[in-house]
């Protein structure tokens, strides 16, 4: 199905496009109710602003999702101890069992299940790749939208 979506995107978009494309990302679904584990070199907590800043080789795990970056700011919900948002900067990598994405920054709104990657976004699915300036993923249903200069590289057959 994903390969068919890429083929359709290639036919409709040609080699490059300046519009927007929708991508089906079957492997990018995430259990948003799963526990979130964070590992980093340092942590600074500010209870006045309900934030925690993890710095240095940050690794975040939620179910099958792996997110790495140099710095991640965790924003807690008002009147709650639950995490509402993760803001990642510096070499952001987002990986599941079947896809991987890279970007300069990521904004993961846990309450809505939306992950927005910005800045030289590159998504790989097996031997195929698609790039853009911005990609928004709904991790609840595995759909995505890419904006900016969208470019696809599709591998056919056994290539």
C-alpha atoms as a PDB file:
ATOM      1  CA  UNK A   1       0.000   0.000   0.000  1.00  0.00           C
ATOM      2  CA  UNK A   2       2.769   2.442   0.923  1.00  0.00           C
ATOM      3  CA  UNK A   3       4.654   1.594  -2.271  1.00  0.00           C
ATOM      4  CA  UNK A   4       1.452   2.245  -4.267  1.00  0.00           C
ATOM      5  CA  UNK A   5       1.042   5.619  -2.516  1.00  0.00           C
ATOM      6  CA  UNK A   6       4.611   6.567  -3.474  1.00  0.00           C
ATOM      7  CA  UNK A   7       4.014   5.487  -7.071  1.00  0.00           C
ATOM      8  CA  UNK A   8       0.818   7.524  -7.224  1.00  0.00           C
ATOM      9  CA  UNK A   9       2.625  10.504  -5.687  1.00  0.00           C
ATOM     10  CA  UNK A  10       5.397  10.206  -8.285  1.00  0.00           C
ATOM     11  CA  UNK A  11       2.954  10.114 -11.184  1.00  0.00           C
ATOM     12  CA  UNK A  12       0.945  13.056  -9.885  1.00  0.00           C
ATOM     13  CA  UNK A  13       3.901  15.125  -8.697  1.00  0.00           C
ATOM     14  CA  UNK A  14       6.566  14.319 -11.240  1.00  0.00           C
ATOM     15  CA  UNK A  15      10.067  14.428  -9.788  1.00  0.00           C
ATOM     16  CA  UNK A  16       9.422  17.525  -7.678  1.00  0.00           C
ATOM     17  CA  UNK A  17       6.496  19.654  -6.531  1.00  0.00           C
ATOM     18  CA  UNK A  18       5.964  22.912  -4.698  1.00  0.00           C
ATOM     19  CA  UNK A  19       2.526  21.967  -3.442  1.00  0.00           C
ATOM     20  CA  UNK A  20       1.500  19.602  -0.709  1.00  0.00           C
ATOM     21  CA  UNK A  21       1.291  15.828  -0.618  1.00  0.00           C
ATOM     22  CA  UNK A  22      -0.432  13.350   1.673  1.00  0.00           C
ATOM     23  CA  UNK A  23       1.452  10.237   2.702  1.00  0.00           C
ATOM     24  CA  UNK A  24       0.082   7.038   4.245  1.00  0.00           C
ATOM     25  CA  UNK A  25       2.455   5.915   6.973  1.00  0.00           C
ATOM     26  CA  UNK A  26       1.146   2.607   8.212  1.00  0.00           C
ATOM     27  CA  UNK A  27       4.145   1.987  10.486  1.00  0.00           C
ATOM     28  CA  UNK A  28       4.046   5.391  12.145  1.00  0.00           C
ATOM     29  CA  UNK A  29       1.063   4.733  14.349  1.00  0.00           C
ATOM     30  CA  UNK A  30       1.914   5.181  18.032  1.00  0.00           C
ATOM     31  CA  UNK A  31       0.069   4.248  21.201  1.00  0.00           C
ATOM     32  CA  UNK A  32      -0.253   7.765  22.633  1.00  0.00           C
ATOM     33  CA  UNK A  33      -1.347   6.303  25.975  1.00  0.00           C
ATOM     34  CA  UNK A  34       1.929   4.357  26.357  1.00  0.00           C
ATOM     35  CA  UNK A  35       4.511   5.502  28.916  1.00  0.00           C
ATOM     36  CA  UNK A  36       7.164   7.958  27.726  1.00  0.00           C
ATOM     37  CA  UNK A  37      10.783   7.229  28.670  1.00  0.00           C
ATOM     38  CA  UNK A  38      13.381  10.019  28.356  1.00  0.00           C
ATOM     39  CA  UNK A  39      17.176   9.623  28.616  1.00  0.00           C
ATOM     40  CA  UNK A  40      19.585  12.604  28.407  1.00  0.00           C
ATOM     41  CA  UNK A  41      22.885  14.012  29.717  1.00  0.00           C
ATOM     42  CA  UNK A  42      21.176  16.727  31.776  1.00  0.00           C
ATOM     43  CA  UNK A  43      17.771  17.946  32.959  1.00  0.00           C
ATOM     44  CA  UNK A  44      16.595  21.404  34.040  1.00  0.00           C
ATOM     45  CA  UNK A  45      13.090  21.719  35.508  1.00  0.00           C
ATOM     46  CA  UNK A  46      11.117  24.973  35.810  1.00  0.00           C
ATOM     47  CA  UNK A  47       7.945  24.427  37.812  1.00  0.00           C
ATOM     48  CA  UNK A  48       6.792  28.021  37.228  1.00  0.00           C
ATOM     49  CA  UNK A  49       6.481  27.405  33.484  1.00  0.00           C
ATOM     50  CA  UNK A  50       5.614  23.683  33.719  1.00  0.00           C
ATOM     51  CA  UNK A  51       8.631  22.751  31.561  1.00  0.00           C
ATOM     52  CA  UNK A  52      11.580  20.418  31.733  1.00  0.00           C
ATOM     53  CA  UNK A  53      14.541  20.743  29.356  1.00  0.00           C
ATOM     54  CA  UNK A  54      16.551  17.621  28.545  1.00  0.00           C
ATOM     55  CA  UNK A  55      19.919  18.277  26.891  1.00  0.00           C
ATOM     56  CA  UNK A  56      22.645  16.174  25.341  1.00  0.00           C
ATOM     57  CA  UNK A  57      21.973  13.019  23.312  1.00  0.00           C
ATOM     58  CA  UNK A  58      18.284  12.948  24.206  1.00  0.00           C
ATOM     59  CA  UNK A  59      16.421   9.699  23.526  1.00  0.00           C
ATOM     60  CA  UNK A  60      12.632   9.517  23.902  1.00  0.00           C
ATOM     61  CA  UNK A  61      10.781   6.221  23.645  1.00  0.00           C
ATOM     62  CA  UNK A  62       7.004   5.774  23.486  1.00  0.00           C
ATOM     63  CA  UNK A  63       5.895   2.326  22.377  1.00  0.00           C
ATOM     64  CA  UNK A  64       7.638   1.639  19.032  1.00  0.00           C
ATOM     65  CA  UNK A  65       8.480   5.337  18.534  1.00  0.00           C
ATOM     66  CA  UNK A  66      12.103   6.487  19.023  1.00  0.00           C
ATOM     67  CA  UNK A  67      12.875  10.222  18.943  1.00  0.00           C
ATOM     68  CA  UNK A  68      16.444  11.526  19.292  1.00  0.00           C
ATOM     69  CA  UNK A  69      17.718  15.113  19.413  1.00  0.00           C
ATOM     70  CA  UNK A  70      20.290  17.340  21.084  1.00  0.00           C
ATOM     71  CA  UNK A  71      17.656  19.105  23.192  1.00  0.00           C
ATOM     72  CA  UNK A  72      14.037  18.394  24.069  1.00  0.00           C
ATOM     73  CA  UNK A  73      11.711  20.647  26.028  1.00  0.00           C
ATOM     74  CA  UNK A  74       8.881  18.832  27.765  1.00  0.00           C
ATOM     75  CA  UNK A  75       5.789  20.966  28.364  1.00  0.00           C
ATOM     76  CA  UNK A  76       3.384  19.727  31.017  1.00  0.00           C
ATOM     77  CA  UNK A  77      -0.337  20.421  30.811  1.00  0.00           C
ATOM     78  CA  UNK A  78      -1.857  23.140  32.959  1.00  0.00           C
ATOM     79  CA  UNK A  79      -3.340  21.747  36.179  1.00  0.00           C
ATOM     80  CA  UNK A  80      -1.880  18.283  35.431  1.00  0.00           C
ATOM     81  CA  UNK A  81       1.334  16.325  35.651  1.00  0.00           C
ATOM     82  CA  UNK A  82       0.799  14.728  32.220  1.00  0.00           C
ATOM     83  CA  UNK A  83       3.086  15.661  29.340  1.00  0.00           C
ATOM     84  CA  UNK A  84       1.276  17.811  26.783  1.00  0.00           C
ATOM     85  CA  UNK A  85       4.043  18.541  24.258  1.00  0.00           C
ATOM     86  CA  UNK A  86       7.628  17.713  23.336  1.00  0.00           C
ATOM     87  CA  UNK A  87       9.726  20.277  21.436  1.00  0.00           C
ATOM     88  CA  UNK A  88      12.947  18.841  19.969  1.00  0.00           C
ATOM     89  CA  UNK A  89      15.844  20.669  18.311  1.00  0.00           C
ATOM     90  CA  UNK A  90      19.224  19.732  16.912  1.00  0.00           C
ATOM     91  CA  UNK A  91      19.495  16.714  14.638  1.00  0.00           C
ATOM     92  CA  UNK A  92      16.045  15.293  15.263  1.00  0.00           C
ATOM     93  CA  UNK A  93      15.504  11.679  14.218  1.00  0.00           C
ATOM     94  CA  UNK A  94      12.157   9.887  14.442  1.00  0.00           C
ATOM     95  CA  UNK A  95      12.171   6.103  13.952  1.00  0.00           C
ATOM     96  CA  UNK A  96       9.638   3.255  13.988  1.00  0.00           C
ATOM     97  CA  UNK A  97      10.032  -0.360  12.877  1.00  0.00           C
ATOM     98  CA  UNK A  98       9.392   0.460   9.200  1.00  0.00           C
ATOM     99  CA  UNK A  99      10.024   4.195   8.665  1.00  0.00           C
ATOM    100  CA  UNK A 100      12.559   6.827   9.681  1.00  0.00           C
ATOM    101  CA  UNK A 101      12.406  10.625   9.474  1.00  0.00           C
ATOM    102  CA  UNK A 102      15.005  13.337  10.013  1.00  0.00           C
ATOM    103  CA  UNK A 103      14.531  17.083  10.514  1.00  0.00           C
ATOM    104  CA  UNK A 104      16.043  20.111  12.203  1.00  0.00           C
ATOM    105  CA  UNK A 105      13.140  20.501  14.658  1.00  0.00           C
ATOM    106  CA  UNK A 106      10.129  18.525  15.893  1.00  0.00           C
ATOM    107  CA  UNK A 107       6.981  19.540  17.778  1.00  0.00           C
ATOM    108  CA  UNK A 108       5.096  16.531  19.167  1.00  0.00           C
ATOM    109  CA  UNK A 109       1.697  17.494  20.610  1.00  0.00           C
ATOM    110  CA  UNK A 110       0.819  14.422  22.644  1.00  0.00           C
ATOM    111  CA  UNK A 111      -2.701  15.627  23.406  1.00  0.00           C
ATOM    112  CA  UNK A 112      -3.616  15.713  19.693  1.00  0.00           C
ATOM    113  CA  UNK A 113      -1.226  13.018  18.442  1.00  0.00           C
ATOM    114  CA  UNK A 114       0.347  15.412  15.910  1.00  0.00           C
ATOM    115  CA  UNK A 115       4.081  15.348  15.235  1.00  0.00           C
ATOM    116  CA  UNK A 116       5.347  18.262  13.127  1.00  0.00           C
ATOM    117  CA  UNK A 117       8.852  18.026  11.661  1.00  0.00           C
ATOM    118  CA  UNK A 118      10.420  21.135  10.103  1.00  0.00           C
ATOM    119  CA  UNK A 119      13.636  21.986   8.307  1.00  0.00           C
ATOM    120  CA  UNK A 120      15.070  19.659   5.648  1.00  0.00           C
ATOM    121  CA  UNK A 121      12.695  16.805   6.431  1.00  0.00           C
ATOM    122  CA  UNK A 122      13.673  13.419   5.013  1.00  0.00           C
ATOM    123  CA  UNK A 123      11.399  10.384   5.295  1.00  0.00           C
ATOM    124  CA  UNK A 124      12.599   6.919   4.309  1.00  0.00           C
ATOM    125  CA  UNK A 125      10.420   3.848   3.872  1.00  0.00           C
ATOM    126  CA  UNK A 126      12.546   0.882   2.852  1.00  0.00           C
ATOM    127  CA  UNK A 127      14.473   1.878  -0.300  1.00  0.00           C
ATOM    128  CA  UNK A 128      12.183   4.850  -1.086  1.00  0.00           C
ATOM    129  CA  UNK A 129      12.534   8.396   0.243  1.00  0.00           C
ATOM    130  CA  UNK A 130      10.544  11.613   0.254  1.00  0.00           C
ATOM    131  CA  UNK A 131      11.741  15.039   1.393  1.00  0.00           C
ATOM    132  CA  UNK A 132      10.147  18.431   2.118  1.00  0.00           C
ATOM    133  CA  UNK A 133      10.533  21.449   4.345  1.00  0.00           C
ATOM    134  CA  UNK A 134       7.701  20.410   6.697  1.00  0.00           C
ATOM    135  CA  UNK A 135       5.886  17.205   7.531  1.00  0.00           C
ATOM    136  CA  UNK A 136       2.965  16.783   9.922  1.00  0.00           C
ATOM    137  CA  UNK A 137       2.216  13.238  11.089  1.00  0.00           C
ATOM    138  CA  UNK A 138      -0.912  12.088  12.871  1.00  0.00           C
ATOM    139  CA  UNK A 139       0.619   9.300  14.959  1.00  0.00           C
ATOM    140  CA  UNK A 140      -2.839   8.093  15.978  1.00  0.00           C
ATOM    141  CA  UNK A 141      -3.866   7.055  12.457  1.00  0.00           C
ATOM    142  CA  UNK A 142      -0.548   6.939  10.568  1.00  0.00           C
ATOM    143  CA  UNK A 143      -1.294   9.696   8.026  1.00  0.00           C
ATOM    144  CA  UNK A 144       1.011  12.561   7.107  1.00  0.00           C
ATOM    145  CA  UNK A 145       1.077  15.753   5.080  1.00  0.00           C
ATOM    146  CA  UNK A 146       4.247  17.207   3.581  1.00  0.00           C
ATOM    147  CA  UNK A 147       4.586  20.852   2.561  1.00  0.00           C
ATOM    148  CA  UNK A 148       7.227  22.907   0.811  1.00  0.00           C
ATOM    149  CA  UNK A 149       9.473  21.648  -1.930  1.00  0.00           C
ATOM    150  CA  UNK A 150       8.424  17.965  -1.976  1.00  0.00           C
ATOM    151  CA  UNK A 151      10.744  15.511  -3.738  1.00  0.00           C
ATOM    152  CA  UNK A 152      10.351  11.734  -4.039  1.00  0.00           C
ATOM    153  CA  UNK A 153      12.817   8.987  -4.896  1.00  0.00           C
ATOM    154  CA  UNK A 154      11.035   5.718  -5.621  1.00  0.00           C
ATOM    155  CA  UNK A 155      12.740   2.350  -5.967  1.00  0.00           C
ATOM    156  CA  UNK A 156      10.909  -0.063  -8.235  1.00  0.00           C
ATOM    157  CA  UNK A 157      10.946  -3.867  -8.040  1.00  0.00           C
ATOM    158  CA  UNK A 158      14.209  -5.338  -6.739  1.00  0.00           C
ATOM    159  CA  UNK A 159      16.270  -2.130  -7.074  1.00  0.00           C
END
